[in-house]
Amino acid sequence: MTAPTTYGLSSEARNLHWLLTNLVEEVPGIQSVAVVSSDGLLLLSSDPGHTEQSRTARPAKGPRGSAADLATIVSGIGSLTVGAAKLMDFGGVRHTMVAMEEGSLFVMSISDGSLLGVHGSAECDMSVVAYHMALFVGRAGHVLTPELRSELRKSLEAESTGSSR
């Protein structure tokens, strides 16, 4: 993973970038991570090429090389599970895991309605991934304010317009 540029960001935004980088680098088997706002917008990504242009350099497995694809999947699964929980009257959704033949997808709620999504390889230890995701959510949830979400979104937009030139 190539670290995204954090120049000019607030200390809270830099801290979230650091937490995300640490999650990816410290947990074996994690292939990509996305933090998605409650309205489905990508806020933070482990994918240095998170724009549409990265689709041309498609990895062998996983979302089409774009964190936007992972964000879309995470947002959709989050919405579906929230709807299911309401229908069943079982309370809020804390996490969702989808195990596939060649990988896993983990989605965990963050306190403000945002979601943390992790795409893991087939070899990843699901309990270790879930534990580290819970640590990330615990550390990031209280700082993910509307102002910080706006700053992260603007940072992604600036990064994508800079890469499309």
N, C-alpha and C. Protein backbone atom coordinates (compact mmCIF):
# COMPACT_ATOMS: atom_id res chain seq x y z
N MET A 1 0.83 -1.17 0.00
CA MET A 1 0.00 0.00 0.00
C MET A 1 0.87 1.23 0.00
N THR A 2 0.51 2.18 -0.82
CA THR A 2 1.18 3.46 -0.83
C THR A 2 0.37 4.42 0.01
N ALA A 3 1.03 5.08 0.96
CA ALA A 3 0.32 5.99 1.85
C ALA A 3 -0.19 7.20 1.08
N PRO A 4 -1.44 7.59 1.34
CA PRO A 4 -1.96 8.78 0.69
C PRO A 4 -1.31 10.03 1.26
N THR A 5 -1.35 11.10 0.52
CA THR A 5 -0.79 12.35 0.98
C THR A 5 -1.65 12.90 2.10
N THR A 6 -1.00 13.27 3.21
CA THR A 6 -1.73 13.83 4.34
C THR A 6 -1.33 15.28 4.59
N TYR A 7 -0.55 15.85 3.67
CA TYR A 7 -0.12 17.23 3.82
C TYR A 7 -1.32 18.16 3.83
N GLY A 8 -1.37 19.07 4.78
CA GLY A 8 -2.44 20.04 4.85
C GLY A 8 -3.68 19.56 5.58
N LEU A 9 -3.70 18.32 6.04
CA LEU A 9 -4.85 17.79 6.76
C LEU A 9 -4.73 18.08 8.25
N SER A 10 -5.86 18.08 8.92
CA SER A 10 -5.87 18.28 10.37
C SER A 10 -5.21 17.09 11.05
N SER A 11 -4.88 17.25 12.31
CA SER A 11 -4.24 16.16 13.05
C SER A 11 -5.19 14.96 13.16
N GLU A 12 -6.50 15.21 13.29
CA GLU A 12 -7.46 14.11 13.36
C GLU A 12 -7.49 13.32 12.05
N ALA A 13 -7.47 14.03 10.93
CA ALA A 13 -7.47 13.36 9.63
C ALA A 13 -6.18 12.58 9.43
N ARG A 14 -5.05 13.16 9.80
CA ARG A 14 -3.77 12.44 9.68
C ARG A 14 -3.77 11.21 10.57
N ASN A 15 -4.36 11.32 11.76
CA ASN A 15 -4.44 10.19 12.68
C ASN A 15 -5.29 9.06 12.07
N LEU A 16 -6.40 9.40 11.45
CA LEU A 16 -7.23 8.37 10.80
C LEU A 16 -6.48 7.70 9.65
N HIS A 17 -5.75 8.48 8.87
CA HIS A 17 -4.92 7.88 7.81
C HIS A 17 -3.90 6.93 8.41
N TRP A 18 -3.29 7.33 9.50
CA TRP A 18 -2.29 6.48 10.16
C TRP A 18 -2.94 5.20 10.67
N LEU A 19 -4.12 5.32 11.31
CA LEU A 19 -4.82 4.13 11.80
C LEU A 19 -5.16 3.17 10.67
N LEU A 20 -5.60 3.71 9.55
CA LEU A 20 -5.95 2.88 8.40
C LEU A 20 -4.71 2.18 7.83
N THR A 21 -3.64 2.94 7.67
CA THR A 21 -2.38 2.37 7.17
C THR A 21 -1.90 1.27 8.10
N ASN A 22 -1.97 1.52 9.40
CA ASN A 22 -1.55 0.54 10.40
C ASN A 22 -2.40 -0.72 10.32
N LEU A 23 -3.69 -0.57 10.16
CA LEU A 23 -4.59 -1.73 10.04
C LEU A 23 -4.18 -2.61 8.87
N VAL A 24 -3.93 -2.00 7.72
CA VAL A 24 -3.58 -2.77 6.52
C VAL A 24 -2.21 -3.43 6.66
N GLU A 25 -1.26 -2.70 7.21
CA GLU A 25 0.11 -3.22 7.29
C GLU A 25 0.31 -4.24 8.40
N GLU A 26 -0.48 -4.15 9.47
CA GLU A 26 -0.28 -5.02 10.62
C GLU A 26 -1.08 -6.32 10.58
N VAL A 27 -2.14 -6.37 9.79
CA VAL A 27 -3.01 -7.54 9.80
C VAL A 27 -2.80 -8.33 8.51
N PRO A 28 -2.24 -9.53 8.62
CA PRO A 28 -2.01 -10.34 7.43
C PRO A 28 -3.32 -10.69 6.72
N GLY A 29 -3.29 -10.60 5.40
CA GLY A 29 -4.44 -11.00 4.60
C GLY A 29 -5.38 -9.89 4.21
N ILE A 30 -5.22 -8.71 4.81
CA ILE A 30 -6.09 -7.60 4.41
C ILE A 30 -5.60 -7.09 3.07
N GLN A 31 -6.53 -7.01 2.11
CA GLN A 31 -6.17 -6.55 0.77
C GLN A 31 -6.56 -5.11 0.53
N SER A 32 -7.70 -4.68 1.06
CA SER A 32 -8.10 -3.28 0.94
C SER A 32 -9.10 -2.93 2.02
N VAL A 33 -9.14 -1.63 2.33
CA VAL A 33 -10.01 -1.11 3.39
C VAL A 33 -10.66 0.17 2.89
N ALA A 34 -11.91 0.36 3.25
CA ALA A 34 -12.60 1.61 2.92
C ALA A 34 -13.46 2.04 4.11
N VAL A 35 -13.42 3.34 4.39
CA VAL A 35 -14.34 3.93 5.35
C VAL A 35 -15.36 4.70 4.53
N VAL A 36 -16.64 4.39 4.78
CA VAL A 36 -17.73 4.93 3.98
C VAL A 36 -18.67 5.71 4.90
N SER A 37 -19.09 6.89 4.46
CA SER A 37 -20.02 7.69 5.26
C SER A 37 -21.39 7.05 5.27
N SER A 38 -22.25 7.53 6.15
CA SER A 38 -23.59 6.96 6.27
C SER A 38 -24.41 7.12 4.99
N ASP A 39 -24.04 8.10 4.15
CA ASP A 39 -24.74 8.27 2.87
C ASP A 39 -24.01 7.58 1.71
N GLY A 40 -23.04 6.72 2.01
CA GLY A 40 -22.41 5.89 1.00
C GLY A 40 -21.20 6.48 0.30
N LEU A 41 -20.70 7.62 0.76
CA LEU A 41 -19.54 8.24 0.12
C LEU A 41 -18.24 7.72 0.72
N LEU A 42 -17.27 7.46 -0.14
CA LEU A 42 -15.96 7.03 0.31
C LEU A 42 -15.28 8.18 1.05
N LEU A 43 -14.81 7.91 2.27
CA LEU A 43 -14.12 8.92 3.08
C LEU A 43 -12.63 8.67 3.19
N LEU A 44 -12.27 7.40 3.27
CA LEU A 44 -10.88 7.03 3.52
C LEU A 44 -10.64 5.67 2.90
N SER A 45 -9.47 5.50 2.31
CA SER A 45 -9.21 4.26 1.59
C SER A 45 -7.75 3.84 1.72
N SER A 46 -7.52 2.54 1.73
CA SER A 46 -6.16 2.02 1.71
C SER A 46 -5.63 1.93 0.28
N ASP A 47 -6.51 2.12 -0.68
CA ASP A 47 -6.17 2.02 -2.09
C ASP A 47 -5.63 3.35 -2.58
N PRO A 48 -4.34 3.42 -2.92
CA PRO A 48 -3.79 4.69 -3.37
C PRO A 48 -4.39 5.16 -4.68
N GLY A 49 -4.91 4.25 -5.48
CA GLY A 49 -5.54 4.61 -6.74
C GLY A 49 -7.03 4.39 -6.62
N HIS A 50 -7.69 5.17 -5.78
CA HIS A 50 -9.09 4.91 -5.47
C HIS A 50 -10.05 5.50 -6.48
N THR A 51 -9.56 6.07 -7.53
CA THR A 51 -10.44 6.67 -8.53
C THR A 51 -10.79 5.66 -9.61
N GLU A 52 -11.64 6.06 -10.52
CA GLU A 52 -12.04 5.22 -11.63
C GLU A 52 -10.84 4.79 -12.48
N GLN A 53 -9.80 5.62 -12.54
CA GLN A 53 -8.64 5.31 -13.39
C GLN A 53 -7.93 4.03 -12.95
N SER A 54 -8.06 3.67 -11.68
CA SER A 54 -7.35 2.50 -11.20
C SER A 54 -7.96 1.20 -11.73
N ARG A 55 -9.12 1.27 -12.34
CA ARG A 55 -9.75 0.06 -12.87
C ARG A 55 -8.92 -0.58 -13.98
N THR A 56 -8.08 0.18 -14.63
CA THR A 56 -7.27 -0.38 -15.71
C THR A 56 -6.19 -1.29 -15.16
N ALA A 57 -5.75 -1.06 -13.93
CA ALA A 57 -4.73 -1.89 -13.30
C ALA A 57 -5.42 -2.82 -12.31
N ARG A 58 -6.24 -3.71 -12.81
CA ARG A 58 -7.07 -4.57 -11.97
C ARG A 58 -6.23 -5.64 -11.29
N PRO A 59 -6.43 -5.80 -9.96
CA PRO A 59 -5.74 -6.88 -9.26
C PRO A 59 -6.33 -8.22 -9.67
N ALA A 60 -5.64 -9.29 -9.33
CA ALA A 60 -6.10 -10.62 -9.70
C ALA A 60 -7.44 -10.96 -9.07
N LYS A 61 -7.66 -10.55 -7.84
CA LYS A 61 -8.90 -10.87 -7.13
C LYS A 61 -9.39 -9.64 -6.39
N GLY A 62 -10.69 -9.58 -6.17
CA GLY A 62 -11.26 -8.52 -5.35
C GLY A 62 -11.98 -7.48 -6.18
N PRO A 63 -12.43 -6.41 -5.51
CA PRO A 63 -13.11 -5.35 -6.24
C PRO A 63 -12.21 -4.85 -7.36
N ARG A 64 -12.74 -4.34 -8.37
CA ARG A 64 -12.05 -4.03 -9.61
C ARG A 64 -10.85 -3.09 -9.50
N GLY A 65 -10.17 -3.11 -8.38
CA GLY A 65 -9.00 -2.26 -8.23
C GLY A 65 -9.36 -0.87 -7.78
N SER A 66 -10.60 -0.64 -7.48
CA SER A 66 -11.04 0.69 -7.11
C SER A 66 -11.69 0.65 -5.73
N ALA A 67 -11.23 1.53 -4.85
CA ALA A 67 -11.86 1.62 -3.53
C ALA A 67 -13.30 2.09 -3.66
N ALA A 68 -13.61 2.78 -4.75
CA ALA A 68 -15.00 3.19 -4.97
C ALA A 68 -15.89 1.96 -5.11
N ASP A 69 -15.39 0.91 -5.74
CA ASP A 69 -16.15 -0.34 -5.83
C ASP A 69 -16.35 -0.96 -4.46
N LEU A 70 -15.30 -1.00 -3.65
CA LEU A 70 -15.41 -1.54 -2.29
C LEU A 70 -16.39 -0.69 -1.48
N ALA A 71 -16.32 0.62 -1.62
CA ALA A 71 -17.24 1.51 -0.90
C ALA A 71 -18.69 1.25 -1.29
N THR A 72 -18.93 1.02 -2.57
CA THR A 72 -20.28 0.72 -3.05
C THR A 72 -20.80 -0.58 -2.45
N ILE A 73 -19.97 -1.58 -2.44
CA ILE A 73 -20.35 -2.88 -1.88
C ILE A 73 -20.63 -2.76 -0.39
N VAL A 74 -19.73 -2.09 0.33
CA VAL A 74 -19.88 -1.91 1.77
C VAL A 74 -21.16 -1.14 2.09
N SER A 75 -21.41 -0.09 1.35
CA SER A 75 -22.62 0.71 1.57
C SER A 75 -23.88 -0.11 1.32
N GLY A 76 -23.88 -0.89 0.26
CA GLY A 76 -25.04 -1.73 -0.06
C GLY A 76 -25.29 -2.79 0.99
N ILE A 77 -24.24 -3.47 1.41
CA ILE A 77 -24.39 -4.50 2.44
C ILE A 77 -24.83 -3.87 3.76
N GLY A 78 -24.25 -2.72 4.08
CA GLY A 78 -24.65 -2.03 5.30
C GLY A 78 -26.12 -1.67 5.29
N SER A 79 -26.60 -1.15 4.18
CA SER A 79 -28.01 -0.78 4.05
C SER A 79 -28.91 -2.00 4.14
N LEU A 80 -28.53 -3.07 3.48
CA LEU A 80 -29.33 -4.30 3.50
C LEU A 80 -29.43 -4.87 4.91
N THR A 81 -28.32 -4.91 5.63
CA THR A 81 -28.35 -5.50 6.98
C THR A 81 -29.10 -4.61 7.98
N VAL A 82 -29.02 -3.30 7.81
CA VAL A 82 -29.79 -2.39 8.68
C VAL A 82 -31.28 -2.61 8.44
N GLY A 83 -31.69 -2.74 7.19
CA GLY A 83 -33.09 -3.02 6.87
C GLY A 83 -33.55 -4.35 7.45
N ALA A 84 -32.70 -5.36 7.35
CA ALA A 84 -33.04 -6.68 7.90
C ALA A 84 -33.19 -6.62 9.41
N ALA A 85 -32.30 -5.90 10.07
CA ALA A 85 -32.36 -5.79 11.53
C ALA A 85 -33.63 -5.07 11.97
N LYS A 86 -34.04 -4.06 11.19
CA LYS A 86 -35.28 -3.35 11.53
C LYS A 86 -36.49 -4.27 11.35
N LEU A 87 -36.51 -5.04 10.27
CA LEU A 87 -37.62 -5.97 10.05
C LEU A 87 -37.70 -7.03 11.15
N MET A 88 -36.54 -7.48 11.61
CA MET A 88 -36.50 -8.51 12.65
C MET A 88 -36.62 -7.94 14.05
N ASP A 89 -36.51 -6.62 14.17
CA ASP A 89 -36.58 -5.94 15.46
C ASP A 89 -35.55 -6.49 16.44
N PHE A 90 -34.30 -6.61 15.94
CA PHE A 90 -33.21 -7.16 16.76
C PHE A 90 -32.21 -6.10 17.20
N GLY A 91 -32.48 -4.84 16.95
CA GLY A 91 -31.53 -3.79 17.33
C GLY A 91 -30.58 -3.48 16.19
N GLY A 92 -29.59 -2.66 16.49
CA GLY A 92 -28.65 -2.21 15.47
C GLY A 92 -27.67 -3.28 15.03
N VAL A 93 -27.15 -3.11 13.83
CA VAL A 93 -26.16 -4.04 13.28
C VAL A 93 -24.78 -3.59 13.72
N ARG A 94 -24.01 -4.50 14.29
CA ARG A 94 -22.65 -4.17 14.71
C ARG A 94 -21.63 -4.56 13.66
N HIS A 95 -21.78 -5.75 13.09
CA HIS A 95 -20.85 -6.16 12.04
C HIS A 95 -21.49 -7.24 11.17
N THR A 96 -20.94 -7.34 9.97
CA THR A 96 -21.39 -8.33 8.99
C THR A 96 -20.16 -8.95 8.36
N MET A 97 -20.22 -10.25 8.12
CA MET A 97 -19.11 -10.92 7.46
C MET A 97 -19.66 -11.79 6.34
N VAL A 98 -19.02 -11.69 5.19
CA VAL A 98 -19.38 -12.53 4.05
C VAL A 98 -18.15 -13.35 3.71
N ALA A 99 -18.27 -14.66 3.86
CA ALA A 99 -17.16 -15.56 3.54
C ALA A 99 -17.40 -16.15 2.16
N MET A 100 -16.42 -15.97 1.28
CA MET A 100 -16.51 -16.49 -0.08
C MET A 100 -15.40 -17.53 -0.28
N GLU A 101 -15.42 -18.22 -1.38
CA GLU A 101 -14.41 -19.24 -1.63
C GLU A 101 -12.99 -18.68 -1.64
N GLU A 102 -12.83 -17.49 -2.19
CA GLU A 102 -11.47 -16.95 -2.35
C GLU A 102 -11.25 -15.63 -1.63
N GLY A 103 -12.02 -15.37 -0.59
CA GLY A 103 -11.82 -14.16 0.18
C GLY A 103 -13.00 -13.88 1.09
N SER A 104 -12.87 -12.82 1.85
CA SER A 104 -13.91 -12.44 2.80
C SER A 104 -14.14 -10.94 2.73
N LEU A 105 -15.33 -10.55 3.12
CA LEU A 105 -15.68 -9.15 3.23
C LEU A 105 -16.23 -8.92 4.62
N PHE A 106 -15.69 -7.93 5.29
CA PHE A 106 -16.11 -7.58 6.64
C PHE A 106 -16.65 -6.16 6.62
N VAL A 107 -17.78 -5.95 7.27
CA VAL A 107 -18.36 -4.61 7.38
C VAL A 107 -18.69 -4.38 8.85
N MET A 108 -18.19 -3.27 9.39
CA MET A 108 -18.42 -2.95 10.80
C MET A 108 -18.94 -1.53 10.91
N SER A 109 -19.95 -1.35 11.75
CA SER A 109 -20.53 -0.03 11.97
C SER A 109 -19.60 0.83 12.82
N ILE A 110 -19.56 2.11 12.47
CA ILE A 110 -18.85 3.10 13.26
C ILE A 110 -19.93 3.96 13.92
N SER A 111 -19.65 4.50 15.06
CA SER A 111 -20.67 5.15 15.90
C SER A 111 -21.54 6.18 15.20
N ASP A 112 -21.05 6.87 14.19
CA ASP A 112 -21.82 7.93 13.54
C ASP A 112 -22.65 7.45 12.36
N GLY A 113 -22.71 6.16 12.12
CA GLY A 113 -23.43 5.63 10.97
C GLY A 113 -22.52 5.31 9.81
N SER A 114 -21.27 5.72 9.91
CA SER A 114 -20.30 5.35 8.88
C SER A 114 -19.98 3.86 9.00
N LEU A 115 -19.33 3.33 7.98
CA LEU A 115 -19.01 1.91 7.95
C LEU A 115 -17.53 1.71 7.64
N LEU A 116 -16.96 0.70 8.24
CA LEU A 116 -15.60 0.27 7.93
C LEU A 116 -15.73 -1.04 7.16
N GLY A 117 -15.19 -1.08 5.95
CA GLY A 117 -15.24 -2.28 5.14
C GLY A 117 -13.84 -2.81 4.87
N VAL A 118 -13.66 -4.10 5.02
CA VAL A 118 -12.36 -4.74 4.80
C VAL A 118 -12.54 -5.91 3.85
N HIS A 119 -11.70 -5.93 2.83
CA HIS A 119 -11.65 -7.05 1.88
C HIS A 119 -10.42 -7.87 2.26
N GLY A 120 -10.64 -9.12 2.64
CA GLY A 120 -9.53 -9.97 3.06
C GLY A 120 -9.35 -11.16 2.14
N SER A 121 -8.15 -11.67 2.12
CA SER A 121 -7.84 -12.85 1.30
C SER A 121 -8.46 -14.09 1.95
N ALA A 122 -8.45 -15.18 1.22
CA ALA A 122 -8.99 -16.44 1.74
C ALA A 122 -8.18 -16.95 2.93
N GLU A 123 -6.91 -16.56 2.99
CA GLU A 123 -6.02 -17.04 4.05
C GLU A 123 -6.08 -16.21 5.32
N CYS A 124 -6.78 -15.10 5.31
CA CYS A 124 -6.78 -14.24 6.49
C CYS A 124 -7.50 -14.92 7.65
N ASP A 125 -7.06 -14.63 8.85
CA ASP A 125 -7.70 -15.14 10.07
C ASP A 125 -8.84 -14.19 10.40
N MET A 126 -10.07 -14.66 10.22
CA MET A 126 -11.24 -13.79 10.37
C MET A 126 -11.35 -13.18 11.76
N SER A 127 -10.97 -13.93 12.79
CA SER A 127 -11.07 -13.39 14.15
C SER A 127 -10.05 -12.28 14.38
N VAL A 128 -8.87 -12.40 13.78
CA VAL A 128 -7.85 -11.36 13.91
C VAL A 128 -8.30 -10.10 13.17
N VAL A 129 -8.85 -10.27 11.97
CA VAL A 129 -9.35 -9.13 11.20
C VAL A 129 -10.46 -8.43 11.98
N ALA A 130 -11.41 -9.20 12.51
CA ALA A 130 -12.53 -8.61 13.26
C ALA A 130 -12.02 -7.87 14.50
N TYR A 131 -11.05 -8.43 15.18
CA TYR A 131 -10.49 -7.79 16.38
C TYR A 131 -9.85 -6.44 16.02
N HIS A 132 -9.05 -6.42 14.97
CA HIS A 132 -8.37 -5.18 14.58
C HIS A 132 -9.35 -4.15 14.01
N MET A 133 -10.39 -4.62 13.36
CA MET A 133 -11.43 -3.69 12.91
C MET A 133 -12.12 -3.04 14.11
N ALA A 134 -12.40 -3.84 15.15
CA ALA A 134 -13.03 -3.29 16.36
C ALA A 134 -12.12 -2.26 17.02
N LEU A 135 -10.82 -2.52 17.02
CA LEU A 135 -9.87 -1.53 17.55
C LEU A 135 -9.93 -0.24 16.75
N PHE A 136 -9.94 -0.36 15.42
CA PHE A 136 -10.01 0.82 14.56
C PHE A 136 -11.29 1.61 14.84
N VAL A 137 -12.41 0.91 14.90
CA VAL A 137 -13.70 1.57 15.14
C VAL A 137 -13.69 2.27 16.50
N GLY A 138 -13.13 1.61 17.50
CA GLY A 138 -13.06 2.20 18.83
C GLY A 138 -12.22 3.46 18.88
N ARG A 139 -11.14 3.46 18.11
CA ARG A 139 -10.24 4.62 18.09
C ARG A 139 -10.73 5.71 17.16
N ALA A 140 -11.41 5.35 16.09
CA ALA A 140 -11.80 6.34 15.07
C ALA A 140 -13.21 6.88 15.27
N GLY A 141 -14.07 6.11 15.87
CA GLY A 141 -15.47 6.48 15.96
C GLY A 141 -15.74 7.81 16.61
N HIS A 142 -15.04 8.11 17.68
CA HIS A 142 -15.31 9.35 18.41
C HIS A 142 -14.77 10.60 17.73
N VAL A 143 -13.83 10.45 16.79
CA VAL A 143 -13.28 11.63 16.11
C VAL A 143 -13.90 11.86 14.74
N LEU A 144 -14.72 10.95 14.28
CA LEU A 144 -15.31 11.06 12.95
C LEU A 144 -16.52 11.99 12.98
N THR A 145 -16.24 13.26 13.18
CA THR A 145 -17.27 14.30 13.27
C THR A 145 -17.71 14.73 11.87
N PRO A 146 -18.83 15.44 11.76
CA PRO A 146 -19.24 15.96 10.44
C PRO A 146 -18.14 16.80 9.79
N GLU A 147 -17.43 17.58 10.57
CA GLU A 147 -16.35 18.41 10.02
C GLU A 147 -15.23 17.55 9.46
N LEU A 148 -14.87 16.50 10.19
CA LEU A 148 -13.79 15.62 9.72
C LEU A 148 -14.24 14.83 8.50
N ARG A 149 -15.50 14.37 8.48
CA ARG A 149 -16.00 13.67 7.29
C ARG A 149 -15.93 14.58 6.07
N SER A 150 -16.28 15.84 6.24
CA SER A 150 -16.22 16.80 5.14
C SER A 150 -14.78 17.01 4.68
N GLU A 151 -13.86 17.12 5.63
CA GLU A 151 -12.45 17.29 5.29
C GLU A 151 -11.91 16.08 4.53
N LEU A 152 -12.24 14.89 4.98
CA LEU A 152 -11.77 13.67 4.31
C LEU A 152 -12.35 13.57 2.90
N ARG A 153 -13.61 13.91 2.75
CA ARG A 153 -14.25 13.85 1.43
C ARG A 153 -13.58 14.84 0.47
N LYS A 154 -13.34 16.06 0.95
CA LYS A 154 -12.67 17.07 0.11
C LYS A 154 -11.26 16.63 -0.25
N SER A 155 -10.58 15.99 0.68
CA SER A 155 -9.23 15.49 0.42
C SER A 155 -9.24 14.44 -0.69
N LEU A 156 -10.22 13.52 -0.66
CA LEU A 156 -10.33 12.52 -1.71
C LEU A 156 -10.65 13.14 -3.05
N GLU A 157 -11.55 14.14 -3.05
CA GLU A 157 -11.90 14.82 -4.30
C GLU A 157 -10.70 15.56 -4.88
N ALA A 158 -9.93 16.22 -4.03
CA ALA A 158 -8.74 16.94 -4.49
C ALA A 158 -7.70 15.97 -5.04
N GLU A 159 -7.56 14.83 -4.37
CA GLU A 159 -6.61 13.81 -4.82
C GLU A 159 -7.01 13.25 -6.18
N SER A 160 -8.31 13.02 -6.39
CA SER A 160 -8.76 12.44 -7.65
C SER A 160 -8.67 13.46 -8.79
N THR A 161 -8.91 14.74 -8.54
CA THR A 161 -8.76 15.72 -9.61
C THR A 161 -7.29 15.95 -9.92
N GLY A 162 -6.45 15.82 -8.92
CA GLY A 162 -5.01 15.95 -9.15
C GLY A 162 -4.44 14.78 -9.94
N SER A 163 -5.03 13.57 -9.74
CA SER A 163 -4.52 12.40 -10.45
C SER A 163 -5.08 12.30 -11.86
N SER A 164 -6.16 13.03 -12.16
CA SER A 164 -6.75 12.91 -13.48
C SER A 164 -6.14 13.89 -14.48
N ARG A 165 -5.21 14.70 -14.01
CA ARG A 165 -4.56 15.68 -14.91
C ARG A 165 -3.41 15.08 -15.66
